[in-house]
Amino acid sequence: MPMDKVIRWKLNEVMARKRLRNKDLAAALGITENSVYRLRKVDEMPRLAPERLNGICMALDCQPGDLLEYIPDDGKVSSIVNVVS
């Protein structure tokens, strides 16, 4: 995984776990199945309007944190800690 990607988008995993199909999420959000497909296939969190994220969470009965995973990048984390300390 490239070093600049420390937040992973897990929509694909959450949808699989909940057994929700693209067409079901698309209908709930009022978007096309292709749009849902693109949202599922990215590893990096896409730019989402708060309303869209809210709709995804409502459809999946989950919290925003369920859709994200923090993957520490030791170099960046330690440099941030040094700046804050």
PDB file of N, CA and C in Angstrom:
ATOM      1  N   MET A   1       0.847  -1.171   0.000  1.00  0.00           N
ATOM      2  CA  MET A   1       0.000   0.000   0.000  1.00  0.00           C
ATOM      3  C   MET A   1       0.895   1.238   0.000  1.00  0.00           C
ATOM      4  N   PRO A   2       0.645   2.234  -0.859  1.00  0.00           N
ATOM      5  CA  PRO A   2       1.474   3.429  -0.890  1.00  0.00           C
ATOM      6  C   PRO A   2       1.468   4.128   0.465  1.00  0.00           C
ATOM      7  N   MET A   3       2.567   4.780   0.785  1.00  0.00           N
ATOM      8  CA  MET A   3       2.719   5.387   2.093  1.00  0.00           C
ATOM      9  C   MET A   3       1.731   6.514   2.364  1.00  0.00           C
ATOM     10  N   ASP A   4       1.228   7.189   1.335  1.00  0.00           N
ATOM     11  CA  ASP A   4       0.345   8.323   1.566  1.00  0.00           C
ATOM     12  C   ASP A   4      -1.093   7.898   1.846  1.00  0.00           C
ATOM     13  N   LYS A   5      -1.415   6.629   1.768  1.00  0.00           N
ATOM     14  CA  LYS A   5      -2.778   6.152   2.009  1.00  0.00           C
ATOM     15  C   LYS A   5      -2.856   5.519   3.384  1.00  0.00           C
ATOM     16  N   VAL A   6      -3.341   6.290   4.351  1.00  0.00           N
ATOM     17  CA  VAL A   6      -3.428   5.753   5.705  1.00  0.00           C
ATOM     18  C   VAL A   6      -4.872   5.501   6.136  1.00  0.00           C
ATOM     19  N   ILE A   7      -5.841   5.927   5.350  1.00  0.00           N
ATOM     20  CA  ILE A   7      -7.243   5.658   5.631  1.00  0.00           C
ATOM     21  C   ILE A   7      -7.775   4.774   4.502  1.00  0.00           C
ATOM     22  N   ARG A   8      -8.263   3.589   4.864  1.00  0.00           N
ATOM     23  CA  ARG A   8      -8.784   2.661   3.852  1.00  0.00           C
ATOM     24  C   ARG A   8     -10.305   2.665   3.893  1.00  0.00           C
ATOM     25  N   TRP A   9     -10.925   2.714   2.730  1.00  0.00           N
ATOM     26  CA  TRP A   9     -12.376   2.730   2.533  1.00  0.00           C
ATOM     27  C   TRP A   9     -12.845   1.289   2.433  1.00  0.00           C
ATOM     28  N   LYS A  10     -13.806   0.882   3.282  1.00  0.00           N
ATOM     29  CA  LYS A  10     -14.206  -0.517   3.371  1.00  0.00           C
ATOM     30  C   LYS A  10     -15.656  -0.752   2.948  1.00  0.00           C
ATOM     31  N   LEU A  11     -16.195   0.075   2.071  1.00  0.00           N
ATOM     32  CA  LEU A  11     -17.581  -0.093   1.652  1.00  0.00           C
ATOM     33  C   LEU A  11     -17.815  -1.489   1.080  1.00  0.00           C
ATOM     34  N   ASN A  12     -16.910  -1.967   0.268  1.00  0.00           N
ATOM     35  CA  ASN A  12     -17.069  -3.285  -0.347  1.00  0.00           C
ATOM     36  C   ASN A  12     -17.219  -4.369   0.724  1.00  0.00           C
ATOM     37  N   GLU A  13     -16.375  -4.320   1.743  1.00  0.00           N
ATOM     38  CA  GLU A  13     -16.419  -5.325   2.803  1.00  0.00           C
ATOM     39  C   GLU A  13     -17.716  -5.235   3.611  1.00  0.00           C
ATOM     40  N   VAL A  14     -18.127  -4.015   3.935  1.00  0.00           N
ATOM     41  CA  VAL A  14     -19.340  -3.843   4.734  1.00  0.00           C
ATOM     42  C   VAL A  14     -20.562  -4.305   3.948  1.00  0.00           C
ATOM     43  N   MET A  15     -20.618  -3.960   2.665  1.00  0.00           N
ATOM     44  CA  MET A  15     -21.744  -4.403   1.841  1.00  0.00           C
ATOM     45  C   MET A  15     -21.776  -5.926   1.742  1.00  0.00           C
ATOM     46  N   ALA A  16     -20.620  -6.539   1.602  1.00  0.00           N
ATOM     47  CA  ALA A  16     -20.569  -8.011   1.514  1.00  0.00           C
ATOM     48  C   ALA A  16     -21.038  -8.636   2.822  1.00  0.00           C
ATOM     49  N   ARG A  17     -20.582  -8.090   3.932  1.00  0.00           N
ATOM     50  CA  ARG A  17     -20.966  -8.615   5.245  1.00  0.00           C
ATOM     51  C   ARG A  17     -22.477  -8.479   5.472  1.00  0.00           C
ATOM     52  N   LYS A  18     -23.057  -7.366   4.997  1.00  0.00           N
ATOM     53  CA  LYS A  18     -24.490  -7.130   5.173  1.00  0.00           C
ATOM     54  C   LYS A  18     -25.327  -7.773   4.056  1.00  0.00           C
ATOM     55  N   ARG A  19     -24.621  -8.336   3.064  1.00  0.00           N
ATOM     56  CA  ARG A  19     -25.262  -8.967   1.904  1.00  0.00           C
ATOM     57  C   ARG A  19     -26.185  -7.996   1.162  1.00  0.00           C
ATOM     58  N   LEU A  20     -25.705  -6.760   1.007  1.00  0.00           N
ATOM     59  CA  LEU A  20     -26.451  -5.738   0.282  1.00  0.00           C
ATOM     60  C   LEU A  20     -25.894  -5.639  -1.131  1.00  0.00           C
ATOM     61  N   ARG A  21     -26.762  -5.729  -2.108  1.00  0.00           N
ATOM     62  CA  ARG A  21     -26.338  -5.685  -3.509  1.00  0.00           C
ATOM     63  C   ARG A  21     -26.224  -4.243  -3.989  1.00  0.00           C
ATOM     64  N   ASN A  22     -25.444  -4.067  -5.070  1.00  0.00           N
ATOM     65  CA  ASN A  22     -25.271  -2.739  -5.664  1.00  0.00           C
ATOM     66  C   ASN A  22     -26.607  -2.096  -5.975  1.00  0.00           C
ATOM     67  N   LYS A  23     -27.530  -2.875  -6.562  1.00  0.00           N
ATOM     68  CA  LYS A  23     -28.802  -2.282  -6.959  1.00  0.00           C
ATOM     69  C   LYS A  23     -29.627  -1.850  -5.760  1.00  0.00           C
ATOM     70  N   ASP A  24     -29.485  -2.548  -4.625  1.00  0.00           N
ATOM     71  CA  ASP A  24     -30.216  -2.164  -3.422  1.00  0.00           C
ATOM     72  C   ASP A  24     -29.688  -0.850  -2.845  1.00  0.00           C
ATOM     73  N   LEU A  25     -28.361  -0.719  -2.777  1.00  0.00           N
ATOM     74  CA  LEU A  25     -27.781   0.527  -2.279  1.00  0.00           C
ATOM     75  C   LEU A  25     -28.063   1.666  -3.246  1.00  0.00           C
ATOM     76  N   ALA A  26     -27.985   1.386  -4.537  1.00  0.00           N
ATOM     77  CA  ALA A  26     -28.273   2.407  -5.538  1.00  0.00           C
ATOM     78  C   ALA A  26     -29.698   2.934  -5.370  1.00  0.00           C
ATOM     79  N   ALA A  27     -30.648   2.038  -5.168  1.00  0.00           N
ATOM     80  CA  ALA A  27     -32.045   2.449  -4.987  1.00  0.00           C
ATOM     81  C   ALA A  27     -32.201   3.278  -3.713  1.00  0.00           C
ATOM     82  N   ALA A  28     -31.524   2.867  -2.645  1.00  0.00           N
ATOM     83  CA  ALA A  28     -31.620   3.592  -1.375  1.00  0.00           C
ATOM     84  C   ALA A  28     -31.029   4.997  -1.477  1.00  0.00           C
ATOM     85  N   LEU A  29     -29.983   5.144  -2.299  1.00  0.00           N
ATOM     86  CA  LEU A  29     -29.304   6.434  -2.420  1.00  0.00           C
ATOM     87  C   LEU A  29     -29.813   7.272  -3.584  1.00  0.00           C
ATOM     88  N   GLY A  30     -30.577   6.649  -4.485  1.00  0.00           N
ATOM     89  CA  GLY A  30     -31.040   7.379  -5.669  1.00  0.00           C
ATOM     90  C   GLY A  30     -29.926   7.648  -6.666  1.00  0.00           C
ATOM     91  N   ILE A  31     -28.999   6.684  -6.781  1.00  0.00           N
ATOM     92  CA  ILE A  31     -27.903   6.799  -7.746  1.00  0.00           C
ATOM     93  C   ILE A  31     -27.886   5.534  -8.599  1.00  0.00           C
ATOM     94  N   THR A  32     -27.014   5.508  -9.605  1.00  0.00           N
ATOM     95  CA  THR A  32     -26.958   4.356 -10.498  1.00  0.00           C
ATOM     96  C   THR A  32     -26.143   3.225  -9.876  1.00  0.00           C
ATOM     97  N   GLU A  33     -26.377   2.018 -10.356  1.00  0.00           N
ATOM     98  CA  GLU A  33     -25.590   0.867  -9.910  1.00  0.00           C
ATOM     99  C   GLU A  33     -24.123   1.053 -10.243  1.00  0.00           C
ATOM    100  N   ASN A  34     -23.832   1.685 -11.389  1.00  0.00           N
ATOM    101  CA  ASN A  34     -22.439   1.938 -11.757  1.00  0.00           C
ATOM    102  C   ASN A  34     -21.758   2.843 -10.742  1.00  0.00           C
ATOM    103  N   SER A  35     -22.484   3.823 -10.214  1.00  0.00           N
ATOM    104  CA  SER A  35     -21.916   4.710  -9.189  1.00  0.00           C
ATOM    105  C   SER A  35     -21.597   3.921  -7.926  1.00  0.00           C
ATOM    106  N   VAL A  36     -22.480   3.029  -7.543  1.00  0.00           N
ATOM    107  CA  VAL A  36     -22.224   2.187  -6.371  1.00  0.00           C
ATOM    108  C   VAL A  36     -21.029   1.284  -6.641  1.00  0.00           C
ATOM    109  N   TYR A  37     -20.952   0.713  -7.824  1.00  0.00           N
ATOM    110  CA  TYR A  37     -19.822  -0.146  -8.194  1.00  0.00           C
ATOM    111  C   TYR A  37     -18.512   0.611  -8.029  1.00  0.00           C
ATOM    112  N   ARG A  38     -18.466   1.851  -8.520  1.00  0.00           N
ATOM    113  CA  ARG A  38     -17.239   2.659  -8.402  1.00  0.00           C
ATOM    114  C   ARG A  38     -16.923   2.963  -6.934  1.00  0.00           C
ATOM    115  N   LEU A  39     -17.947   3.245  -6.130  1.00  0.00           N
ATOM    116  CA  LEU A  39     -17.722   3.500  -4.706  1.00  0.00           C
ATOM    117  C   LEU A  39     -17.166   2.265  -3.997  1.00  0.00           C
ATOM    118  N   ARG A  40     -17.593   1.094  -4.426  1.00  0.00           N
ATOM    119  CA  ARG A  40     -17.142  -0.154  -3.794  1.00  0.00           C
ATOM    120  C   ARG A  40     -15.720  -0.520  -4.182  1.00  0.00           C
ATOM    121  N   LYS A  41     -15.294  -0.168  -5.364  1.00  0.00           N
ATOM    122  CA  LYS A  41     -14.027  -0.670  -5.888  1.00  0.00           C
ATOM    123  C   LYS A  41     -12.815   0.180  -5.535  1.00  0.00           C
ATOM    124  N   VAL A  42     -13.011   1.294  -4.829  1.00  0.00           N
ATOM    125  CA  VAL A  42     -11.860   2.114  -4.450  1.00  0.00           C
ATOM    126  C   VAL A  42     -11.411   1.735  -3.045  1.00  0.00           C
ATOM    127  N   ASP A  43     -10.115   1.827  -2.798  1.00  0.00           N
ATOM    128  CA  ASP A  43      -9.566   1.554  -1.471  1.00  0.00           C
ATOM    129  C   ASP A  43      -9.468   2.827  -0.643  1.00  0.00           C
ATOM    130  N   GLU A  44      -9.373   3.942  -1.335  1.00  0.00           N
ATOM    131  CA  GLU A  44      -9.229   5.230  -0.677  1.00  0.00           C
ATOM    132  C   GLU A  44     -10.606   5.871  -0.550  1.00  0.00           C
ATOM    133  N   MET A  45     -10.883   6.470   0.587  1.00  0.00           N
ATOM    134  CA  MET A  45     -12.204   7.060   0.791  1.00  0.00           C
ATOM    135  C   MET A  45     -12.463   8.131  -0.255  1.00  0.00           C
ATOM    136  N   PRO A  46     -13.589   7.992  -0.965  1.00  0.00           N
ATOM    137  CA  PRO A  46     -13.928   9.010  -1.972  1.00  0.00           C
ATOM    138  C   PRO A  46     -14.462  10.261  -1.295  1.00  0.00           C
ATOM    139  N   ARG A  47     -14.468  11.356  -2.037  1.00  0.00           N
ATOM    140  CA  ARG A  47     -15.096  12.574  -1.533  1.00  0.00           C
ATOM    141  C   ARG A  47     -16.595  12.351  -1.569  1.00  0.00           C
ATOM    142  N   LEU A  48     -17.214  12.514  -0.416  1.00  0.00           N
ATOM    143  CA  LEU A  48     -18.648  12.292  -0.314  1.00  0.00           C
ATOM    144  C   LEU A  48     -19.290  13.488   0.369  1.00  0.00           C
ATOM    145  N   ALA A  49     -20.434  13.884  -0.136  1.00  0.00           N
ATOM    146  CA  ALA A  49     -21.228  14.889   0.566  1.00  0.00           C
ATOM    147  C   ALA A  49     -21.735  14.248   1.846  1.00  0.00           C
ATOM    148  N   PRO A  50     -21.911  15.023   2.905  1.00  0.00           N
ATOM    149  CA  PRO A  50     -22.419  14.454   4.157  1.00  0.00           C
ATOM    150  C   PRO A  50     -23.739  13.700   3.961  1.00  0.00           C
ATOM    151  N   GLU A  51     -24.584  14.191   3.066  1.00  0.00           N
ATOM    152  CA  GLU A  51     -25.864  13.523   2.812  1.00  0.00           C
ATOM    153  C   GLU A  51     -25.654  12.136   2.222  1.00  0.00           C
ATOM    154  N   ARG A  52     -24.654  11.989   1.361  1.00  0.00           N
ATOM    155  CA  ARG A  52     -24.370  10.685   0.741  1.00  0.00           C
ATOM    156  C   ARG A  52     -23.847   9.710   1.779  1.00  0.00           C
ATOM    157  N   LEU A  53     -22.912  10.168   2.616  1.00  0.00           N
ATOM    158  CA  LEU A  53     -22.387   9.309   3.669  1.00  0.00           C
ATOM    159  C   LEU A  53     -23.507   8.914   4.630  1.00  0.00           C
ATOM    160  N   ASN A  54     -24.366   9.852   4.955  1.00  0.00           N
ATOM    161  CA  ASN A  54     -25.514   9.568   5.813  1.00  0.00           C
ATOM    162  C   ASN A  54     -26.401   8.497   5.180  1.00  0.00           C
ATOM    163  N   GLY A  55     -26.652   8.609   3.873  1.00  0.00           N
ATOM    164  CA  GLY A  55     -27.472   7.623   3.170  1.00  0.00           C
ATOM    165  C   GLY A  55     -26.845   6.242   3.169  1.00  0.00           C
ATOM    166  N   ILE A  56     -25.535   6.188   2.974  1.00  0.00           N
ATOM    167  CA  ILE A  56     -24.832   4.903   2.991  1.00  0.00           C
ATOM    168  C   ILE A  56     -24.953   4.275   4.377  1.00  0.00           C
ATOM    169  N   CYS A  57     -24.741   5.075   5.413  1.00  0.00           N
ATOM    170  CA  CYS A  57     -24.828   4.550   6.780  1.00  0.00           C
ATOM    171  C   CYS A  57     -26.241   4.096   7.110  1.00  0.00           C
ATOM    172  N   MET A  58     -27.238   4.827   6.656  1.00  0.00           N
ATOM    173  CA  MET A  58     -28.621   4.422   6.903  1.00  0.00           C
ATOM    174  C   MET A  58     -28.934   3.111   6.191  1.00  0.00           C
ATOM    175  N   ALA A  59     -28.529   3.003   4.918  1.00  0.00           N
ATOM    176  CA  ALA A  59     -28.819   1.802   4.131  1.00  0.00           C
ATOM    177  C   ALA A  59     -28.112   0.569   4.695  1.00  0.00           C
ATOM    178  N   LEU A  60     -26.904   0.764   5.230  1.00  0.00           N
ATOM    179  CA  LEU A  60     -26.118  -0.354   5.745  1.00  0.00           C
ATOM    180  C   LEU A  60     -26.275  -0.545   7.250  1.00  0.00           C
ATOM    181  N   ASP A  61     -27.036   0.335   7.880  1.00  0.00           N
ATOM    182  CA  ASP A  61     -27.217   0.296   9.331  1.00  0.00           C
ATOM    183  C   ASP A  61     -25.856   0.206  10.019  1.00  0.00           C
ATOM    184  N   CYS A  62     -24.999   1.198   9.708  1.00  0.00           N
ATOM    185  CA  CYS A  62     -23.654   1.212  10.262  1.00  0.00           C
ATOM    186  C   CYS A  62     -23.255   2.631  10.631  1.00  0.00           C
ATOM    187  N   GLN A  63     -22.111   2.750  11.262  1.00  0.00           N
ATOM    188  CA  GLN A  63     -21.522   4.033  11.615  1.00  0.00           C
ATOM    189  C   GLN A  63     -20.455   4.377  10.574  1.00  0.00           C
ATOM    190  N   PRO A  64     -20.153   5.680  10.367  1.00  0.00           N
ATOM    191  CA  PRO A  64     -19.091   6.032   9.416  1.00  0.00           C
ATOM    192  C   PRO A  64     -17.778   5.307   9.705  1.00  0.00           C
ATOM    193  N   GLY A  65     -17.463   5.111  10.981  1.00  0.00           N
ATOM    194  CA  GLY A  65     -16.224   4.419  11.338  1.00  0.00           C
ATOM    195  C   GLY A  65     -16.174   2.976  10.872  1.00  0.00           C
ATOM    196  N   ASP A  66     -17.346   2.369  10.639  1.00  0.00           N
ATOM    197  CA  ASP A  66     -17.378   1.001  10.122  1.00  0.00           C
ATOM    198  C   ASP A  66     -16.880   0.939   8.684  1.00  0.00           C
ATOM    199  N   LEU A  67     -16.935   2.070   7.995  1.00  0.00           N
ATOM    200  CA  LEU A  67     -16.548   2.130   6.590  1.00  0.00           C
ATOM    201  C   LEU A  67     -15.086   2.524   6.388  1.00  0.00           C
ATOM    202  N   LEU A  68     -14.404   2.846   7.486  1.00  0.00           N
ATOM    203  CA  LEU A  68     -13.026   3.334   7.402  1.00  0.00           C
ATOM    204  C   LEU A  68     -12.106   2.495   8.268  1.00  0.00           C
ATOM    205  N   GLU A  69     -10.863   2.384   7.829  1.00  0.00           N
ATOM    206  CA  GLU A  69      -9.838   1.723   8.630  1.00  0.00           C
ATOM    207  C   GLU A  69      -8.597   2.585   8.598  1.00  0.00           C
ATOM    208  N   TYR A  70      -8.081   2.909   9.763  1.00  0.00           N
ATOM    209  CA  TYR A  70      -6.846   3.677   9.874  1.00  0.00           C
ATOM    210  C   TYR A  70      -5.665   2.720   9.821  1.00  0.00           C
ATOM    211  N   ILE A  71      -4.761   2.966   8.897  1.00  0.00           N
ATOM    212  CA  ILE A  71      -3.556   2.147   8.764  1.00  0.00           C
ATOM    213  C   ILE A  71      -2.372   3.064   9.025  1.00  0.00           C
ATOM    214  N   PRO A  72      -1.759   2.941  10.203  1.00  0.00           N
ATOM    215  CA  PRO A  72      -0.676   3.859  10.543  1.00  0.00           C
ATOM    216  C   PRO A  72       0.501   3.752   9.584  1.00  0.00           C
ATOM    217  N   ASP A  73       1.030   4.896   9.255  1.00  0.00           N
ATOM    218  CA  ASP A  73       2.247   4.996   8.460  1.00  0.00           C
ATOM    219  C   ASP A  73       3.290   5.530   9.431  1.00  0.00           C
ATOM    220  N   ASP A  74       4.150   4.649   9.918  1.00  0.00           N
ATOM    221  CA  ASP A  74       5.060   4.992  11.009  1.00  0.00           C
ATOM    222  C   ASP A  74       5.825   6.287  10.783  1.00  0.00           C
ATOM    223  N   GLY A  75       6.297   6.520   9.583  1.00  0.00           N
ATOM    224  CA  GLY A  75       7.052   7.735   9.312  1.00  0.00           C
ATOM    225  C   GLY A  75       6.221   8.989   9.514  1.00  0.00           C
ATOM    226  N   LYS A  76       5.008   8.971   9.005  1.00  0.00           N
ATOM    227  CA  LYS A  76       4.149  10.151   9.126  1.00  0.00           C
ATOM    228  C   LYS A  76       3.647  10.327  10.544  1.00  0.00           C
ATOM    229  N   VAL A  77       3.304   9.242  11.203  1.00  0.00           N
ATOM    230  CA  VAL A  77       2.768   9.352  12.557  1.00  0.00           C
ATOM    231  C   VAL A  77       3.845   9.902  13.486  1.00  0.00           C
ATOM    232  N   SER A  78       5.067   9.384  13.398  1.00  0.00           N
ATOM    233  CA  SER A  78       6.114   9.842  14.294  1.00  0.00           C
ATOM    234  C   SER A  78       6.474  11.291  14.020  1.00  0.00           C
ATOM    235  N   SER A  79       6.428  11.737  12.755  1.00  0.00           N
ATOM    236  CA  SER A  79       6.747  13.135  12.474  1.00  0.00           C
ATOM    237  C   SER A  79       5.652  14.053  12.996  1.00  0.00           C
ATOM    238  N   ILE A  80       4.405  13.601  12.971  1.00  0.00           N
ATOM    239  CA  ILE A  80       3.320  14.406  13.527  1.00  0.00           C
ATOM    240  C   ILE A  80       3.460  14.460  15.040  1.00  0.00           C
ATOM    241  N   VAL A  81       3.762  13.334  15.666  1.00  0.00           N
ATOM    242  CA  VAL A  81       3.922  13.298  17.118  1.00  0.00           C
ATOM    243  C   VAL A  81       5.050  14.229  17.536  1.00  0.00           C
ATOM    244  N   ASN A  82       6.148  14.260  16.781  1.00  0.00           N
ATOM    245  CA  ASN A  82       7.271  15.141  17.120  1.00  0.00           C
ATOM    246  C   ASN A  82       6.864  16.593  17.027  1.00  0.00           C
ATOM    247  N   VAL A  83       6.051  16.961  16.063  1.00  0.00           N
ATOM    248  CA  VAL A  83       5.609  18.344  15.906  1.00  0.00           C
ATOM    249  C   VAL A  83       4.692  18.734  17.062  1.00  0.00           C
ATOM    250  N   VAL A  84       3.820  17.824  17.467  1.00  0.00           N
ATOM    251  CA  VAL A  84       2.861  18.101  18.547  1.00  0.00           C
ATOM    252  C   VAL A  84       3.557  18.119  19.899  1.00  0.00           C
ATOM    253  N   SER A  85       4.547  17.269  20.097  1.00  0.00           N
ATOM    254  CA  SER A  85       5.212  17.152  21.417  1.00  0.00           C
ATOM    255  C   SER A  85       5.983  18.398  21.783  1.00  0.00           C
TER     256      SER A  85
END
